[in-house]
Amino acid sequence: MSKTRRGQVWLAGLEPRFGAAPGKTRPVLIVQSQVLVDAGYSSTLIVPLTTKLIDDAAPLRIRVPAGGRLREDSGLLIAQLRAIDNRRIVRGPLATLGSSLMGLVDEAILEVLGSLPS
């Protein structure tokens, strides 16, 4: 596996699927701090993407436009934030999100986790 970077979209195997958690091999956004990525931890915090788009669903979903090797507009499933073993990350990067979009992602994660004032 090549070196992952925060803000990149990679393919990852998320099987076995359980309950509402997304499964199969799908794009995921690396959201873990680059310091932790560089430290060589055996797991990485990711947010899965889906091509089943829902409008006006922030902070639960953030739209990611197609670009690079990400062929379709996608939605980040912010509430599905999870850590996965690095061996599940199989190919990429497919795309790299810009700083303004990553800012929206960071805000959405904080809101979903209950860390922003109401």
PDB file of N, CA and C in Angstrom:
ATOM      1  N   MET A   1       0.841  -1.183   0.000  1.00  0.00           N
ATOM      2  CA  MET A   1       0.000   0.000   0.000  1.00  0.00           C
ATOM      3  C   MET A   1       0.883   1.242   0.000  1.00  0.00           C
ATOM      4  N   SER A   2       0.533   2.228  -0.822  1.00  0.00           N
ATOM      5  CA  SER A   2       1.236   3.502  -0.819  1.00  0.00           C
ATOM      6  C   SER A   2       0.902   4.259   0.451  1.00  0.00           C
ATOM      7  N   LYS A   3       1.608   5.307   0.687  1.00  0.00           N
ATOM      8  CA  LYS A   3       1.423   6.127   1.882  1.00  0.00           C
ATOM      9  C   LYS A   3       0.126   6.938   1.782  1.00  0.00           C
ATOM     10  N   THR A   4      -0.752   6.759   2.762  1.00  0.00           N
ATOM     11  CA  THR A   4      -1.989   7.536   2.788  1.00  0.00           C
ATOM     12  C   THR A   4      -1.710   8.914   3.367  1.00  0.00           C
ATOM     13  N   ARG A   5      -2.591   9.851   3.013  1.00  0.00           N
ATOM     14  CA  ARG A   5      -2.513  11.211   3.543  1.00  0.00           C
ATOM     15  C   ARG A   5      -3.914  11.659   3.917  1.00  0.00           C
ATOM     16  N   ARG A   6      -3.983  12.451   4.986  1.00  0.00           N
ATOM     17  CA  ARG A   6      -5.266  13.019   5.402  1.00  0.00           C
ATOM     18  C   ARG A   6      -5.858  13.816   4.235  1.00  0.00           C
ATOM     19  N   GLY A   7      -7.153  13.625   3.984  1.00  0.00           N
ATOM     20  CA  GLY A   7      -7.822  14.331   2.899  1.00  0.00           C
ATOM     21  C   GLY A   7      -7.861  13.562   1.595  1.00  0.00           C
ATOM     22  N   GLN A   8      -7.202  12.410   1.534  1.00  0.00           N
ATOM     23  CA  GLN A   8      -7.243  11.585   0.317  1.00  0.00           C
ATOM     24  C   GLN A   8      -8.388  10.588   0.388  1.00  0.00           C
ATOM     25  N   VAL A   9      -8.900  10.244  -0.777  1.00  0.00           N
ATOM     26  CA  VAL A   9      -9.911   9.195  -0.917  1.00  0.00           C
ATOM     27  C   VAL A   9      -9.217   7.956  -1.460  1.00  0.00           C
ATOM     28  N   TRP A  10      -9.402   6.837  -0.763  1.00  0.00           N
ATOM     29  CA  TRP A  10      -8.826   5.541  -1.136  1.00  0.00           C
ATOM     30  C   TRP A  10      -9.941   4.508  -1.197  1.00  0.00           C
ATOM     31  N   LEU A  11      -9.693   3.390  -1.865  1.00  0.00           N
ATOM     32  CA  LEU A  11     -10.598   2.246  -1.794  1.00  0.00           C
ATOM     33  C   LEU A  11     -10.227   1.408  -0.578  1.00  0.00           C
ATOM     34  N   ALA A  12     -11.263   0.944   0.134  1.00  0.00           N
ATOM     35  CA  ALA A  12     -11.029   0.103   1.312  1.00  0.00           C
ATOM     36  C   ALA A  12     -12.089  -0.992   1.369  1.00  0.00           C
ATOM     37  N   GLY A  13     -11.684  -2.162   1.817  1.00  0.00           N
ATOM     38  CA  GLY A  13     -12.605  -3.280   2.007  1.00  0.00           C
ATOM     39  C   GLY A  13     -13.266  -3.162   3.376  1.00  0.00           C
ATOM     40  N   LEU A  14     -14.578  -2.983   3.390  1.00  0.00           N
ATOM     41  CA  LEU A  14     -15.297  -2.778   4.652  1.00  0.00           C
ATOM     42  C   LEU A  14     -16.143  -3.980   5.057  1.00  0.00           C
ATOM     43  N   GLU A  15     -15.931  -5.116   4.415  1.00  0.00           N
ATOM     44  CA  GLU A  15     -16.639  -6.337   4.802  1.00  0.00           C
ATOM     45  C   GLU A  15     -16.050  -6.893   6.082  1.00  0.00           C
ATOM     46  N   PRO A  16     -16.784  -7.580   6.905  1.00  0.00           N
ATOM     47  CA  PRO A  16     -18.189  -7.906   6.701  1.00  0.00           C
ATOM     48  C   PRO A  16     -19.086  -6.743   7.114  1.00  0.00           C
ATOM     49  N   ARG A  17     -20.150  -6.576   6.371  1.00  0.00           N
ATOM     50  CA  ARG A  17     -21.153  -5.558   6.668  1.00  0.00           C
ATOM     51  C   ARG A  17     -21.961  -6.039   7.862  1.00  0.00           C
ATOM     52  N   PHE A  18     -22.309  -5.119   8.746  1.00  0.00           N
ATOM     53  CA  PHE A  18     -23.127  -5.463   9.900  1.00  0.00           C
ATOM     54  C   PHE A  18     -24.104  -4.332  10.145  1.00  0.00           C
ATOM     55  N   GLY A  19     -25.407  -4.657  10.197  1.00  0.00           N
ATOM     56  CA  GLY A  19     -26.432  -3.646  10.461  1.00  0.00           C
ATOM     57  C   GLY A  19     -26.401  -2.524   9.444  1.00  0.00           C
ATOM     58  N   ALA A  20     -26.398  -1.289   9.945  1.00  0.00           N
ATOM     59  CA  ALA A  20     -26.442  -0.110   9.086  1.00  0.00           C
ATOM     60  C   ALA A  20     -25.070   0.296   8.560  1.00  0.00           C
ATOM     61  N   ALA A  21     -24.016  -0.369   9.011  1.00  0.00           N
ATOM     62  CA  ALA A  21     -22.666  -0.012   8.567  1.00  0.00           C
ATOM     63  C   ALA A  21     -22.485  -0.364   7.099  1.00  0.00           C
ATOM     64  N   PRO A  22     -21.856   0.552   6.338  1.00  0.00           N
ATOM     65  CA  PRO A  22     -21.612   0.237   4.931  1.00  0.00           C
ATOM     66  C   PRO A  22     -20.591  -0.878   4.791  1.00  0.00           C
ATOM     67  N   GLY A  23     -20.776  -1.720   3.784  1.00  0.00           N
ATOM     68  CA  GLY A  23     -19.864  -2.821   3.531  1.00  0.00           C
ATOM     69  C   GLY A  23     -19.241  -2.703   2.164  1.00  0.00           C
ATOM     70  N   LYS A  24     -18.733  -3.773   1.642  1.00  0.00           N
ATOM     71  CA  LYS A  24     -18.060  -3.958   0.356  1.00  0.00           C
ATOM     72  C   LYS A  24     -16.833  -3.085   0.231  1.00  0.00           C
ATOM     73  N   THR A  25     -16.153  -3.186  -0.886  1.00  0.00           N
ATOM     74  CA  THR A  25     -15.009  -2.327  -1.170  1.00  0.00           C
ATOM     75  C   THR A  25     -15.554  -1.027  -1.727  1.00  0.00           C
ATOM     76  N   ARG A  26     -15.226   0.053  -1.056  1.00  0.00           N
ATOM     77  CA  ARG A  26     -15.774   1.350  -1.455  1.00  0.00           C
ATOM     78  C   ARG A  26     -14.766   2.448  -1.148  1.00  0.00           C
ATOM     79  N   PRO A  27     -14.982   3.622  -1.736  1.00  0.00           N
ATOM     80  CA  PRO A  27     -14.104   4.748  -1.413  1.00  0.00           C
ATOM     81  C   PRO A  27     -14.300   5.195   0.036  1.00  0.00           C
ATOM     82  N   VAL A  28     -13.192   5.577   0.660  1.00  0.00           N
ATOM     83  CA  VAL A  28     -13.216   6.128   2.013  1.00  0.00           C
ATOM     84  C   VAL A  28     -12.304   7.340   2.056  1.00  0.00           C
ATOM     85  N   LEU A  29     -12.675   8.306   2.884  1.00  0.00           N
ATOM     86  CA  LEU A  29     -11.858   9.495   3.079  1.00  0.00           C
ATOM     87  C   LEU A  29     -11.001   9.305   4.321  1.00  0.00           C
ATOM     88  N   ILE A  30      -9.706   9.544   4.192  1.00  0.00           N
ATOM     89  CA  ILE A  30      -8.799   9.486   5.335  1.00  0.00           C
ATOM     90  C   ILE A  30      -8.985  10.782   6.130  1.00  0.00           C
ATOM     91  N   VAL A  31      -9.457  10.671   7.388  1.00  0.00           N
ATOM     92  CA  VAL A  31      -9.686  11.857   8.214  1.00  0.00           C
ATOM     93  C   VAL A  31      -8.765  11.911   9.425  1.00  0.00           C
ATOM     94  N   GLN A  32      -7.998  10.883   9.633  1.00  0.00           N
ATOM     95  CA  GLN A  32      -7.067  10.847  10.770  1.00  0.00           C
ATOM     96  C   GLN A  32      -6.000  11.929  10.613  1.00  0.00           C
ATOM     97  N   SER A  33      -5.577  12.492  11.719  1.00  0.00           N
ATOM     98  CA  SER A  33      -4.502  13.479  11.736  1.00  0.00           C
ATOM     99  C   SER A  33      -3.281  12.929  11.001  1.00  0.00           C
ATOM    100  N   GLN A  34      -2.632  13.782  10.208  1.00  0.00           N
ATOM    101  CA  GLN A  34      -1.453  13.335   9.469  1.00  0.00           C
ATOM    102  C   GLN A  34      -0.333  12.913  10.406  1.00  0.00           C
ATOM    103  N   VAL A  35      -0.273  13.513  11.580  1.00  0.00           N
ATOM    104  CA  VAL A  35       0.734  13.120  12.571  1.00  0.00           C
ATOM    105  C   VAL A  35       0.543  11.650  12.942  1.00  0.00           C
ATOM    106  N   LEU A  36      -0.706  11.222  13.145  1.00  0.00           N
ATOM    107  CA  LEU A  36      -0.965   9.821  13.482  1.00  0.00           C
ATOM    108  C   LEU A  36      -0.735   8.909  12.286  1.00  0.00           C
ATOM    109  N   VAL A  37      -1.091   9.372  11.087  1.00  0.00           N
ATOM    110  CA  VAL A  37      -0.826   8.578   9.882  1.00  0.00           C
ATOM    111  C   VAL A  37       0.678   8.331   9.774  1.00  0.00           C
ATOM    112  N   ASP A  38       1.464   9.393   9.936  1.00  0.00           N
ATOM    113  CA  ASP A  38       2.918   9.292   9.807  1.00  0.00           C
ATOM    114  C   ASP A  38       3.555   8.462  10.917  1.00  0.00           C
ATOM    115  N   ALA A  39       2.875   8.361  12.065  1.00  0.00           N
ATOM    116  CA  ALA A  39       3.416   7.600  13.192  1.00  0.00           C
ATOM    117  C   ALA A  39       3.354   6.094  12.964  1.00  0.00           C
ATOM    118  N   GLY A  40       2.637   5.662  11.917  1.00  0.00           N
ATOM    119  CA  GLY A  40       2.598   4.248  11.581  1.00  0.00           C
ATOM    120  C   GLY A  40       1.615   3.428  12.397  1.00  0.00           C
ATOM    121  N   TYR A  41       0.553   4.060  12.920  1.00  0.00           N
ATOM    122  CA  TYR A  41      -0.479   3.305  13.630  1.00  0.00           C
ATOM    123  C   TYR A  41      -1.016   2.210  12.722  1.00  0.00           C
ATOM    124  N   SER A  42      -1.501   1.141  13.308  1.00  0.00           N
ATOM    125  CA  SER A  42      -1.997   0.013  12.516  1.00  0.00           C
ATOM    126  C   SER A  42      -3.437   0.214  12.054  1.00  0.00           C
ATOM    127  N   SER A  43      -4.090   1.288  12.506  1.00  0.00           N
ATOM    128  CA  SER A  43      -5.448   1.581  12.054  1.00  0.00           C
ATOM    129  C   SER A  43      -5.534   3.046  11.644  1.00  0.00           C
ATOM    130  N   THR A  44      -6.577   3.362  10.871  1.00  0.00           N
ATOM    131  CA  THR A  44      -6.771   4.711  10.359  1.00  0.00           C
ATOM    132  C   THR A  44      -8.237   5.089  10.484  1.00  0.00           C
ATOM    133  N   LEU A  45      -8.499   6.338  10.898  1.00  0.00           N
ATOM    134  CA  LEU A  45      -9.865   6.852  10.949  1.00  0.00           C
ATOM    135  C   LEU A  45     -10.296   7.248   9.545  1.00  0.00           C
ATOM    136  N   ILE A  46     -11.466   6.739   9.144  1.00  0.00           N
ATOM    137  CA  ILE A  46     -11.977   7.000   7.789  1.00  0.00           C
ATOM    138  C   ILE A  46     -13.459   7.370   7.859  1.00  0.00           C
ATOM    139  N   VAL A  47     -13.936   7.973   6.780  1.00  0.00           N
ATOM    140  CA  VAL A  47     -15.366   8.192   6.561  1.00  0.00           C
ATOM    141  C   VAL A  47     -15.689   7.574   5.204  1.00  0.00           C
ATOM    142  N   PRO A  48     -16.633   6.606   5.163  1.00  0.00           N
ATOM    143  CA  PRO A  48     -17.004   5.989   3.890  1.00  0.00           C
ATOM    144  C   PRO A  48     -17.770   6.948   2.977  1.00  0.00           C
ATOM    145  N   LEU A  49     -17.689   6.691   1.674  1.00  0.00           N
ATOM    146  CA  LEU A  49     -18.447   7.446   0.683  1.00  0.00           C
ATOM    147  C   LEU A  49     -19.511   6.552   0.069  1.00  0.00           C
ATOM    148  N   THR A  50     -20.567   7.186  -0.420  1.00  0.00           N
ATOM    149  CA  THR A  50     -21.619   6.492  -1.137  1.00  0.00           C
ATOM    150  C   THR A  50     -21.994   7.297  -2.369  1.00  0.00           C
ATOM    151  N   THR A  51     -22.507   6.611  -3.395  1.00  0.00           N
ATOM    152  CA  THR A  51     -23.014   7.318  -4.572  1.00  0.00           C
ATOM    153  C   THR A  51     -24.524   7.529  -4.475  1.00  0.00           C
ATOM    154  N   LYS A  52     -25.136   7.054  -3.402  1.00  0.00           N
ATOM    155  CA  LYS A  52     -26.561   7.323  -3.147  1.00  0.00           C
ATOM    156  C   LYS A  52     -26.657   8.688  -2.482  1.00  0.00           C
ATOM    157  N   LEU A  53     -26.927   9.696  -3.307  1.00  0.00           N
ATOM    158  CA  LEU A  53     -26.854  11.077  -2.841  1.00  0.00           C
ATOM    159  C   LEU A  53     -28.174  11.531  -2.223  1.00  0.00           C
ATOM    160  N   ILE A  54     -28.065  12.322  -1.171  1.00  0.00           N
ATOM    161  CA  ILE A  54     -29.204  12.950  -0.510  1.00  0.00           C
ATOM    162  C   ILE A  54     -28.876  14.428  -0.381  1.00  0.00           C
ATOM    163  N   ASP A  55     -29.763  15.287  -0.898  1.00  0.00           N
ATOM    164  CA  ASP A  55     -29.538  16.727  -0.817  1.00  0.00           C
ATOM    165  C   ASP A  55     -29.850  17.240   0.583  1.00  0.00           C
ATOM    166  N   ASP A  56     -29.166  18.319   0.963  1.00  0.00           N
ATOM    167  CA  ASP A  56     -29.406  19.018   2.231  1.00  0.00           C
ATOM    168  C   ASP A  56     -29.394  18.085   3.429  1.00  0.00           C
ATOM    169  N   ALA A  57     -28.397  17.213   3.525  1.00  0.00           N
ATOM    170  CA  ALA A  57     -28.310  16.252   4.624  1.00  0.00           C
ATOM    171  C   ALA A  57     -27.134  16.549   5.561  1.00  0.00           C
ATOM    172  N   ALA A  58     -26.531  17.736   5.430  1.00  0.00           N
ATOM    173  CA  ALA A  58     -25.429  18.102   6.330  1.00  0.00           C
ATOM    174  C   ALA A  58     -25.977  18.224   7.752  1.00  0.00           C
ATOM    175  N   PRO A  59     -25.273  17.837   8.765  1.00  0.00           N
ATOM    176  CA  PRO A  59     -23.884  17.407   8.770  1.00  0.00           C
ATOM    177  C   PRO A  59     -23.706  15.913   8.551  1.00  0.00           C
ATOM    178  N   LEU A  60     -24.807  15.166   8.341  1.00  0.00           N
ATOM    179  CA  LEU A  60     -24.674  13.712   8.201  1.00  0.00           C
ATOM    180  C   LEU A  60     -24.034  13.308   6.889  1.00  0.00           C
ATOM    181  N   ARG A  61     -24.217  14.118   5.869  1.00  0.00           N
ATOM    182  CA  ARG A  61     -23.609  13.835   4.563  1.00  0.00           C
ATOM    183  C   ARG A  61     -23.047  15.104   3.969  1.00  0.00           C
ATOM    184  N   ILE A  62     -21.860  14.983   3.428  1.00  0.00           N
ATOM    185  CA  ILE A  62     -21.192  16.093   2.747  1.00  0.00           C
ATOM    186  C   ILE A  62     -20.924  15.639   1.320  1.00  0.00           C
ATOM    187  N   ARG A  63     -21.304  16.455   0.352  1.00  0.00           N
ATOM    188  CA  ARG A  63     -21.134  16.111  -1.064  1.00  0.00           C
ATOM    189  C   ARG A  63     -19.691  16.291  -1.498  1.00  0.00           C
ATOM    190  N   VAL A  64     -19.189  15.301  -2.237  1.00  0.00           N
ATOM    191  CA  VAL A  64     -17.852  15.328  -2.809  1.00  0.00           C
ATOM    192  C   VAL A  64     -18.012  15.227  -4.321  1.00  0.00           C
ATOM    193  N   PRO A  65     -17.571  16.240  -5.074  1.00  0.00           N
ATOM    194  CA  PRO A  65     -17.704  16.170  -6.528  1.00  0.00           C
ATOM    195  C   PRO A  65     -16.750  15.145  -7.134  1.00  0.00           C
ATOM    196  N   ALA A  66     -17.161  14.574  -8.257  1.00  0.00           N
ATOM    197  CA  ALA A  66     -16.295  13.654  -8.997  1.00  0.00           C
ATOM    198  C   ALA A  66     -15.028  14.397  -9.402  1.00  0.00           C
ATOM    199  N   GLY A  67     -13.952  13.659  -9.474  1.00  0.00           N
ATOM    200  CA  GLY A  67     -12.676  14.253  -9.890  1.00  0.00           C
ATOM    201  C   GLY A  67     -11.562  13.271  -9.628  1.00  0.00           C
ATOM    202  N   GLY A  68     -10.459  13.447 -10.318  1.00  0.00           N
ATOM    203  CA  GLY A  68      -9.374  12.480 -10.195  1.00  0.00           C
ATOM    204  C   GLY A  68      -9.883  11.129 -10.670  1.00  0.00           C
ATOM    205  N   ARG A  69      -9.663  10.092  -9.871  1.00  0.00           N
ATOM    206  CA  ARG A  69     -10.163   8.769 -10.219  1.00  0.00           C
ATOM    207  C   ARG A  69     -11.475   8.451  -9.501  1.00  0.00           C
ATOM    208  N   LEU A  70     -12.056   9.457  -8.828  1.00  0.00           N
ATOM    209  CA  LEU A  70     -13.391   9.323  -8.235  1.00  0.00           C
ATOM    210  C   LEU A  70     -14.375   9.694  -9.334  1.00  0.00           C
ATOM    211  N   ARG A  71     -15.018   8.674  -9.922  1.00  0.00           N
ATOM    212  CA  ARG A  71     -15.779   8.851 -11.163  1.00  0.00           C
ATOM    213  C   ARG A  71     -17.158   9.459 -10.998  1.00  0.00           C
ATOM    214  N   GLU A  72     -17.728   9.390  -9.799  1.00  0.00           N
ATOM    215  CA  GLU A  72     -19.084   9.905  -9.588  1.00  0.00           C
ATOM    216  C   GLU A  72     -19.119  10.841  -8.397  1.00  0.00           C
ATOM    217  N   ASP A  73     -20.048  11.826  -8.461  1.00  0.00           N
ATOM    218  CA  ASP A  73     -20.297  12.615  -7.264  1.00  0.00           C
ATOM    219  C   ASP A  73     -20.678  11.641  -6.155  1.00  0.00           C
ATOM    220  N   SER A  74     -20.220  11.922  -4.949  1.00  0.00           N
ATOM    221  CA  SER A  74     -20.439  11.007  -3.839  1.00  0.00           C
ATOM    222  C   SER A  74     -20.820  11.792  -2.595  1.00  0.00           C
ATOM    223  N   GLY A  75     -21.313  11.067  -1.602  1.00  0.00           N
ATOM    224  CA  GLY A  75     -21.637  11.665  -0.320  1.00  0.00           C
ATOM    225  C   GLY A  75     -20.813  11.009   0.765  1.00  0.00           C
ATOM    226  N   LEU A  76     -20.203  11.838   1.610  1.00  0.00           N
ATOM    227  CA  LEU A  76     -19.479  11.324   2.766  1.00  0.00           C
ATOM    228  C   LEU A  76     -20.475  10.979   3.857  1.00  0.00           C
ATOM    229  N   LEU A  77     -20.416   9.760   4.366  1.00  0.00           N
ATOM    230  CA  LEU A  77     -21.308   9.291   5.426  1.00  0.00           C
ATOM    231  C   LEU A  77     -20.673   9.637   6.777  1.00  0.00           C
ATOM    232  N   ILE A  78     -20.798  10.904   7.165  1.00  0.00           N
ATOM    233  CA  ILE A  78     -20.090  11.417   8.340  1.00  0.00           C
ATOM    234  C   ILE A  78     -20.406  10.615   9.596  1.00  0.00           C
ATOM    235  N   ALA A  79     -21.645  10.217   9.787  1.00  0.00           N
ATOM    236  CA  ALA A  79     -22.035   9.466  10.989  1.00  0.00           C
ATOM    237  C   ALA A  79     -21.469   8.046  10.999  1.00  0.00           C
ATOM    238  N   GLN A  80     -20.845   7.617   9.891  1.00  0.00           N
ATOM    239  CA  GLN A  80     -20.239   6.288   9.824  1.00  0.00           C
ATOM    240  C   GLN A  80     -18.728   6.347  10.054  1.00  0.00           C
ATOM    241  N   LEU A  81     -18.247   7.431  10.631  1.00  0.00           N
ATOM    242  CA  LEU A  81     -16.837   7.565  10.995  1.00  0.00           C
ATOM    243  C   LEU A  81     -16.392   6.322  11.755  1.00  0.00           C
ATOM    244  N   ARG A  82     -15.254   5.767  11.360  1.00  0.00           N
ATOM    245  CA  ARG A  82     -14.755   4.573  12.047  1.00  0.00           C
ATOM    246  C   ARG A  82     -13.269   4.384  11.819  1.00  0.00           C
ATOM    247  N   ALA A  83     -12.680   3.554  12.657  1.00  0.00           N
ATOM    248  CA  ALA A  83     -11.286   3.167  12.477  1.00  0.00           C
ATOM    249  C   ALA A  83     -11.263   1.821  11.771  1.00  0.00           C
ATOM    250  N   ILE A  84     -10.374   1.689  10.803  1.00  0.00           N
ATOM    251  CA  ILE A  84     -10.199   0.402  10.128  1.00  0.00           C
ATOM    252  C   ILE A  84      -8.723   0.030  10.155  1.00  0.00           C
ATOM    253  N   ASP A  85      -8.456  -1.256  10.108  1.00  0.00           N
ATOM    254  CA  ASP A  85      -7.092  -1.749  10.013  1.00  0.00           C
ATOM    255  C   ASP A  85      -6.517  -1.280   8.679  1.00  0.00           C
ATOM    256  N   ASN A  86      -5.276  -0.851   8.694  1.00  0.00           N
ATOM    257  CA  ASN A  86      -4.649  -0.340   7.476  1.00  0.00           C
ATOM    258  C   ASN A  86      -4.614  -1.363   6.341  1.00  0.00           C
ATOM    259  N   ARG A  87      -4.655  -2.645   6.676  1.00  0.00           N
ATOM    260  CA  ARG A  87      -4.656  -3.664   5.619  1.00  0.00           C
ATOM    261  C   ARG A  87      -5.947  -3.662   4.821  1.00  0.00           C
ATOM    262  N   ARG A  88      -6.987  -2.988   5.314  1.00  0.00           N
ATOM    263  CA  ARG A  88      -8.246  -2.879   4.556  1.00  0.00           C
ATOM    264  C   ARG A  88      -8.158  -1.816   3.462  1.00  0.00           C
ATOM    265  N   ILE A  89      -7.195  -0.914   3.567  1.00  0.00           N
ATOM    266  CA  ILE A  89      -7.024   0.153   2.575  1.00  0.00           C
ATOM    267  C   ILE A  89      -6.240  -0.438   1.415  1.00  0.00           C
ATOM    268  N   VAL A  90      -6.912  -0.567   0.256  1.00  0.00           N
ATOM    269  CA  VAL A  90      -6.337  -1.391  -0.813  1.00  0.00           C
ATOM    270  C   VAL A  90      -5.802  -0.642  -2.031  1.00  0.00           C
ATOM    271  N   ARG A  91      -6.343   0.521  -2.346  1.00  0.00           N
ATOM    272  CA  ARG A  91      -5.874   1.175  -3.577  1.00  0.00           C
ATOM    273  C   ARG A  91      -6.169   2.668  -3.534  1.00  0.00           C
ATOM    274  N   GLY A  92      -5.240   3.446  -4.044  1.00  0.00           N
ATOM    275  CA  GLY A  92      -5.468   4.870  -4.116  1.00  0.00           C
ATOM    276  C   GLY A  92      -4.159   5.633  -4.208  1.00  0.00           C
ATOM    277  N   PRO A  93      -4.236   6.900  -4.118  1.00  0.00           N
ATOM    278  CA  PRO A  93      -5.440   7.676  -3.862  1.00  0.00           C
ATOM    279  C   PRO A  93      -6.273   7.868  -5.126  1.00  0.00           C
ATOM    280  N   LEU A  94      -7.587   7.943  -4.919  1.00  0.00           N
ATOM    281  CA  LEU A  94      -8.511   8.207  -6.020  1.00  0.00           C
ATOM    282  C   LEU A  94      -8.699   9.702  -6.221  1.00  0.00           C
ATOM    283  N   ALA A  95      -8.630  10.452  -5.132  1.00  0.00           N
ATOM    284  CA  ALA A  95      -8.828  11.903  -5.172  1.00  0.00           C
ATOM    285  C   ALA A  95      -8.256  12.489  -3.894  1.00  0.00           C
ATOM    286  N   THR A  96      -8.051  13.800  -3.919  1.00  0.00           N
ATOM    287  CA  THR A  96      -7.633  14.535  -2.731  1.00  0.00           C
ATOM    288  C   THR A  96      -8.570  15.717  -2.565  1.00  0.00           C
ATOM    289  N   LEU A  97      -9.183  15.837  -1.391  1.00  0.00           N
ATOM    290  CA  LEU A  97     -10.109  16.931  -1.122  1.00  0.00           C
ATOM    291  C   LEU A  97      -9.332  18.197  -0.788  1.00  0.00           C
ATOM    292  N   GLY A  98      -9.838  19.325  -1.259  1.00  0.00           N
ATOM    293  CA  GLY A  98      -9.221  20.612  -0.977  1.00  0.00           C
ATOM    294  C   GLY A  98      -9.465  21.054   0.459  1.00  0.00           C
ATOM    295  N   SER A  99      -8.759  22.098   0.858  1.00  0.00           N
ATOM    296  CA  SER A  99      -8.837  22.559   2.249  1.00  0.00           C
ATOM    297  C   SER A  99     -10.223  23.071   2.620  1.00  0.00           C
ATOM    298  N   SER A 100     -10.943  23.718   1.698  1.00  0.00           N
ATOM    299  CA  SER A 100     -12.281  24.221   2.048  1.00  0.00           C
ATOM    300  C   SER A 100     -13.250  23.067   2.276  1.00  0.00           C
ATOM    301  N   LEU A 101     -13.177  22.028   1.448  1.00  0.00           N
ATOM    302  CA  LEU A 101     -14.053  20.870   1.636  1.00  0.00           C
ATOM    303  C   LEU A 101     -13.664  20.100   2.903  1.00  0.00           C
ATOM    304  N   MET A 102     -12.371  19.980   3.171  1.00  0.00           N
ATOM    305  CA  MET A 102     -11.935  19.317   4.404  1.00  0.00           C
ATOM    306  C   MET A 102     -12.369  20.117   5.630  1.00  0.00           C
ATOM    307  N   GLY A 103     -12.429  21.431   5.523  1.00  0.00           N
ATOM    308  CA  GLY A 103     -12.943  22.252   6.617  1.00  0.00           C
ATOM    309  C   GLY A 103     -14.395  21.916   6.917  1.00  0.00           C
ATOM    310  N   LEU A 104     -15.200  21.728   5.866  1.00  0.00           N
ATOM    311  CA  LEU A 104     -16.608  21.328   6.046  1.00  0.00           C
ATOM    312  C   LEU A 104     -16.699  19.948   6.682  1.00  0.00           C
ATOM    313  N   VAL A 105     -15.833  19.037   6.260  1.00  0.00           N
ATOM    314  CA  VAL A 105     -15.800  17.689   6.824  1.00  0.00           C
ATOM    315  C   VAL A 105     -15.460  17.755   8.310  1.00  0.00           C
ATOM    316  N   ASP A 106     -14.442  18.529   8.664  1.00  0.00           N
ATOM    317  CA  ASP A 106     -14.039  18.657  10.065  1.00  0.00           C
ATOM    318  C   ASP A 106     -15.190  19.204  10.917  1.00  0.00           C
ATOM    319  N   GLU A 107     -15.870  20.234  10.421  1.00  0.00           N
ATOM    320  CA  GLU A 107     -17.006  20.807  11.149  1.00  0.00           C
ATOM    321  C   GLU A 107     -18.124  19.788  11.311  1.00  0.00           C
ATOM    322  N   ALA A 108     -18.406  19.039  10.249  1.00  0.00           N
ATOM    323  CA  ALA A 108     -19.478  18.042  10.309  1.00  0.00           C
ATOM    324  C   ALA A 108     -19.141  16.946  11.316  1.00  0.00           C
ATOM    325  N   ILE A 109     -17.891  16.493  11.333  1.00  0.00           N
ATOM    326  CA  ILE A 109     -17.483  15.460  12.297  1.00  0.00           C
ATOM    327  C   ILE A 109     -17.655  15.983  13.722  1.00  0.00           C
ATOM    328  N   LEU A 110     -17.206  17.196  13.975  1.00  0.00           N
ATOM    329  CA  LEU A 110     -17.354  17.775  15.316  1.00  0.00           C
ATOM    330  C   LEU A 110     -18.820  17.898  15.709  1.00  0.00           C
ATOM    331  N   GLU A 111     -19.654  18.294  14.764  1.00  0.00           N
ATOM    332  CA  GLU A 111     -21.088  18.428  15.063  1.00  0.00           C
ATOM    333  C   GLU A 111     -21.720  17.076  15.362  1.00  0.00           C
ATOM    334  N   VAL A 112     -21.390  16.062  14.576  1.00  0.00           N
ATOM    335  CA  VAL A 112     -21.935  14.714  14.789  1.00  0.00           C
ATOM    336  C   VAL A 112     -21.456  14.151  16.122  1.00  0.00           C
ATOM    337  N   LEU A 113     -20.217  14.460  16.498  1.00  0.00           N
ATOM    338  CA  LEU A 113     -19.691  13.981  17.777  1.00  0.00           C
ATOM    339  C   LEU A 113     -20.168  14.803  18.964  1.00  0.00           C
ATOM    340  N   GLY A 114     -20.861  15.925  18.681  1.00  0.00           N
ATOM    341  CA  GLY A 114     -21.382  16.749  19.761  1.00  0.00           C
ATOM    342  C   GLY A 114     -20.356  17.675  20.352  1.00  0.00           C
ATOM    343  N   SER A 115     -19.361  18.067  19.567  1.00  0.00           N
ATOM    344  CA  SER A 115     -18.276  18.903  20.084  1.00  0.00           C
ATOM    345  C   SER A 115     -18.401  20.365  19.701  1.00  0.00           C
ATOM    346  N   LEU A 116     -19.456  20.740  18.992  1.00  0.00           N
ATOM    347  CA  LEU A 116     -19.655  22.140  18.641  1.00  0.00           C
ATOM    348  C   LEU A 116     -20.753  22.720  19.516  1.00  0.00           C
ATOM    349  N   PRO A 117     -20.624  23.996  19.903  1.00  0.00           N
ATOM    350  CA  PRO A 117     -21.694  24.592  20.688  1.00  0.00           C
ATOM    351  C   PRO A 117     -22.968  24.705  19.855  1.00  0.00           C
ATOM    352  N   SER A 118     -24.100  24.590  20.489  1.00  0.00           N
ATOM    353  CA  SER A 118     -25.401  24.660  19.795  1.00  0.00           C
ATOM    354  C   SER A 118     -25.763  26.072  19.425  1.00  0.00           C
TER     355      SER A 118
END
